[in-house]
C-alpha atoms as a PDB file:
ATOM      1  CA  MET A   1     -59.482 -13.426  27.978  1.00  0.00           C
ATOM      2  CA  HIS A   2     -56.714 -11.528  29.453  1.00  0.00           C
ATOM      3  CA  LEU A   3     -55.021 -13.970  30.693  1.00  0.00           C
ATOM      4  CA  ILE A   4     -54.795 -15.872  27.299  1.00  0.00           C
ATOM      5  CA  GLN A   5     -53.596 -12.814  25.900  1.00  0.00           C
ATOM      6  CA  SER A   6     -50.714 -12.681  28.291  1.00  0.00           C
ATOM      7  CA  LEU A   7     -49.621 -16.491  27.993  1.00  0.00           C
ATOM      8  CA  ALA A   8     -49.693 -16.108  23.944  1.00  0.00           C
ATOM      9  CA  VAL A   9     -47.486 -13.034  24.140  1.00  0.00           C
ATOM     10  CA  SER A  10     -45.052 -14.573  26.845  1.00  0.00           C
ATOM     11  CA  THR A  11     -44.674 -17.768  24.687  1.00  0.00           C
ATOM     12  CA  MET A  12     -43.982 -15.704  21.687  1.00  0.00           C
ATOM     13  CA  LEU A  13     -41.125 -13.494  23.798  1.00  0.00           C
ATOM     14  CA  LEU A  14     -39.815 -16.928  24.892  1.00  0.00           C
ATOM     15  CA  VAL A  15     -39.833 -18.504  21.409  1.00  0.00           C
ATOM     16  CA  SER A  16     -38.323 -15.218  20.049  1.00  0.00           C
ATOM     17  CA  THR A  17     -35.606 -15.171  22.758  1.00  0.00           C
ATOM     18  CA  LEU A  18     -34.584 -18.727  21.912  1.00  0.00           C
ATOM     19  CA  PHE A  19     -34.327 -18.715  18.526  1.00  0.00           C
ATOM     20  CA  SER A  20     -31.920 -15.440  18.941  1.00  0.00           C
ATOM     21  CA  SER A  21     -30.079 -16.732  21.437  1.00  0.00           C
ATOM     22  CA  GLU A  22     -29.290 -19.543  19.432  1.00  0.00           C
ATOM     23  CA  ASP A  23     -28.570 -17.021  16.673  1.00  0.00           C
ATOM     24  CA  GLU A  24     -25.937 -15.467  18.865  1.00  0.00           C
ATOM     25  CA  ASN A  25     -24.442 -18.576  19.796  1.00  0.00           C
ATOM     26  CA  GLY A  26     -23.924 -19.808  16.279  1.00  0.00           C
ATOM     27  CA  ALA A  27     -22.657 -15.757  15.266  1.00  0.00           C
ATOM     28  CA  GLN A  28     -19.793 -16.584  18.209  1.00  0.00           C
ATOM     29  CA  LEU A  29     -18.907 -20.031  17.066  1.00  0.00           C
ATOM     30  CA  PHE A  30     -18.633 -19.048  13.459  1.00  0.00           C
ATOM     31  CA  ASN A  31     -16.269 -16.269  14.656  1.00  0.00           C
ATOM     32  CA  ASP A  32     -14.194 -17.534  16.810  1.00  0.00           C
ATOM     33  CA  ALA A  33     -13.805 -20.423  14.547  1.00  0.00           C
ATOM     34  CA  LYS A  34     -12.745 -17.726  11.968  1.00  0.00           C
ATOM     35  CA  CYS A  35     -14.866 -19.088   9.242  1.00  0.00           C
ATOM     36  CA  MET A  36     -14.141 -15.519   7.848  1.00  0.00           C
ATOM     37  CA  ARG A  37     -10.680 -16.337   6.917  1.00  0.00           C
ATOM     38  CA  CYS A  38     -11.643 -18.800   4.086  1.00  0.00           C
ATOM     39  CA  HIS A  39     -14.970 -17.019   3.074  1.00  0.00           C
ATOM     40  CA  SER A  40     -16.314 -13.732   2.663  1.00  0.00           C
ATOM     41  CA  SER A  41     -19.826 -13.117   2.875  1.00  0.00           C
ATOM     42  CA  THR A  42     -20.226 -13.416  -0.933  1.00  0.00           C
ATOM     43  CA  HIS A  43     -20.076 -16.933  -0.294  1.00  0.00           C
ATOM     44  CA  PHE A  44     -22.990 -17.213   1.808  1.00  0.00           C
ATOM     45  CA  LYS A  45     -25.318 -16.882  -1.018  1.00  0.00           C
ATOM     46  CA  PRO A  46     -27.742 -19.822  -2.272  1.00  0.00           C
ATOM     47  CA  LYS A  47     -25.852 -21.810  -5.686  1.00  0.00           C
ATOM     48  CA  ALA A  48     -27.304 -24.366  -7.520  1.00  0.00           C
ATOM     49  CA  ASN A  49     -23.674 -26.225  -8.008  1.00  0.00           C
ATOM     50  CA  LYS A  50     -23.480 -25.614  -3.950  1.00  0.00           C
ATOM     51  CA  VAL A  51     -25.242 -24.694  -1.168  1.00  0.00           C
ATOM     52  CA  SER A  52     -28.854 -24.735  -2.669  1.00  0.00           C
ATOM     53  CA  SER A  53     -31.057 -26.219  -0.011  1.00  0.00           C
ATOM     54  CA  PHE A  54     -30.615 -26.644   3.820  1.00  0.00           C
ATOM     55  CA  PRO A  55     -29.691 -30.203   3.891  1.00  0.00           C
ATOM     56  CA  LYS A  56     -26.322 -28.563   1.565  1.00  0.00           C
ATOM     57  CA  LEU A  57     -25.976 -26.237   3.999  1.00  0.00           C
ATOM     58  CA  GLN A  58     -26.014 -28.330   6.806  1.00  0.00           C
ATOM     59  CA  LYS A  59     -23.558 -30.748   4.954  1.00  0.00           C
ATOM     60  CA  SER A  60     -21.093 -27.643   3.964  1.00  0.00           C
ATOM     61  CA  VAL A  61     -20.920 -26.666   7.773  1.00  0.00           C
ATOM     62  CA  ASN A  62     -20.513 -29.901   8.867  1.00  0.00           C
ATOM     63  CA  ALA A  63     -17.813 -30.620   6.324  1.00  0.00           C
ATOM     64  CA  CYS A  64     -15.938 -27.150   7.557  1.00  0.00           C
ATOM     65  CA  ALA A  65     -16.372 -28.094  10.901  1.00  0.00           C
ATOM     66  CA  ILE A  66     -14.519 -31.668  10.400  1.00  0.00           C
ATOM     67  CA  ASN A  67     -12.209 -29.844   7.741  1.00  0.00           C
ATOM     68  CA  THR A  68     -10.794 -26.965  10.164  1.00  0.00           C
ATOM     69  CA  ASN A  69     -10.932 -29.294  13.567  1.00  0.00           C
ATOM     70  CA  THR A  70     -13.217 -26.790  15.261  1.00  0.00           C
ATOM     71  CA  ALA A  71     -14.364 -29.420  17.560  1.00  0.00           C
ATOM     72  CA  TRP A  72     -17.790 -28.126  18.380  1.00  0.00           C
ATOM     73  CA  PHE A  73     -20.612 -30.417  19.319  1.00  0.00           C
ATOM     74  CA  ASP A  74     -23.144 -31.568  17.391  1.00  0.00           C
ATOM     75  CA  GLU A  75     -25.376 -28.961  18.752  1.00  0.00           C
ATOM     76  CA  GLU A  76     -22.795 -26.161  17.929  1.00  0.00           C
ATOM     77  CA  THR A  77     -22.393 -27.237  14.089  1.00  0.00           C
ATOM     78  CA  LYS A  78     -26.409 -26.711  14.233  1.00  0.00           C
ATOM     79  CA  GLU A  79     -26.399 -23.349  15.844  1.00  0.00           C
ATOM     80  CA  VAL A  80     -23.958 -22.581  13.333  1.00  0.00           C
ATOM     81  CA  VAL A  81     -26.248 -23.964  10.510  1.00  0.00           C
ATOM     82  CA  HIS A  82     -29.217 -21.614  11.717  1.00  0.00           C
ATOM     83  CA  TYR A  83     -27.137 -18.369  12.194  1.00  0.00           C
ATOM     84  CA  LEU A  84     -25.999 -18.503   8.018  1.00  0.00           C
ATOM     85  CA  ASN A  85     -29.781 -19.610   7.410  1.00  0.00           C
ATOM     86  CA  ASN A  86     -31.168 -17.215   8.947  1.00  0.00           C
ATOM     87  CA  LYS A  87     -28.708 -14.148   8.168  1.00  0.00           C
ATOM     88  CA  TYR A  88     -28.152 -15.517   4.758  1.00  0.00           C
ATOM     89  CA  TYR A  89     -29.762 -18.367   2.900  1.00  0.00           C
ATOM     90  CA  LYS A  90     -32.955 -18.333   4.288  1.00  0.00           C
ATOM     91  CA  PHE A  91     -33.877 -22.063   3.364  1.00  0.00           C
ATOM     92  CA  LYS A  92     -36.887 -23.719   4.941  1.00  0.00           C
ATOM     93  CA  GLU A  93     -35.482 -25.722   7.542  1.00  0.00           C
ATOM     94  CA  VAL A  94     -35.939 -29.212   7.532  1.00  0.00           C
ATOM     95  CA  LYS A  95     -35.789 -31.013  11.076  1.00  0.00           C
END
């Protein structure tokens, strides 16, 4: 019984570490790209006519990355999307 509990706790810690690491990478990329030069935290709120779903958030971040020539890889763009979603939007993620 203790082995199963230990494995469960270890797995949860690993998963939470991976998610927080992804958020940390996304936050670093977001800050390095100086996104806040064009945006304020009030921009990162769900709006019916703009970003109102996880897919729209993905499209919006991708458009910003292209327009500002961030040269992010797809995985880096995804990390920024996850960071913004976890910090501001709280949309159900679509894989």
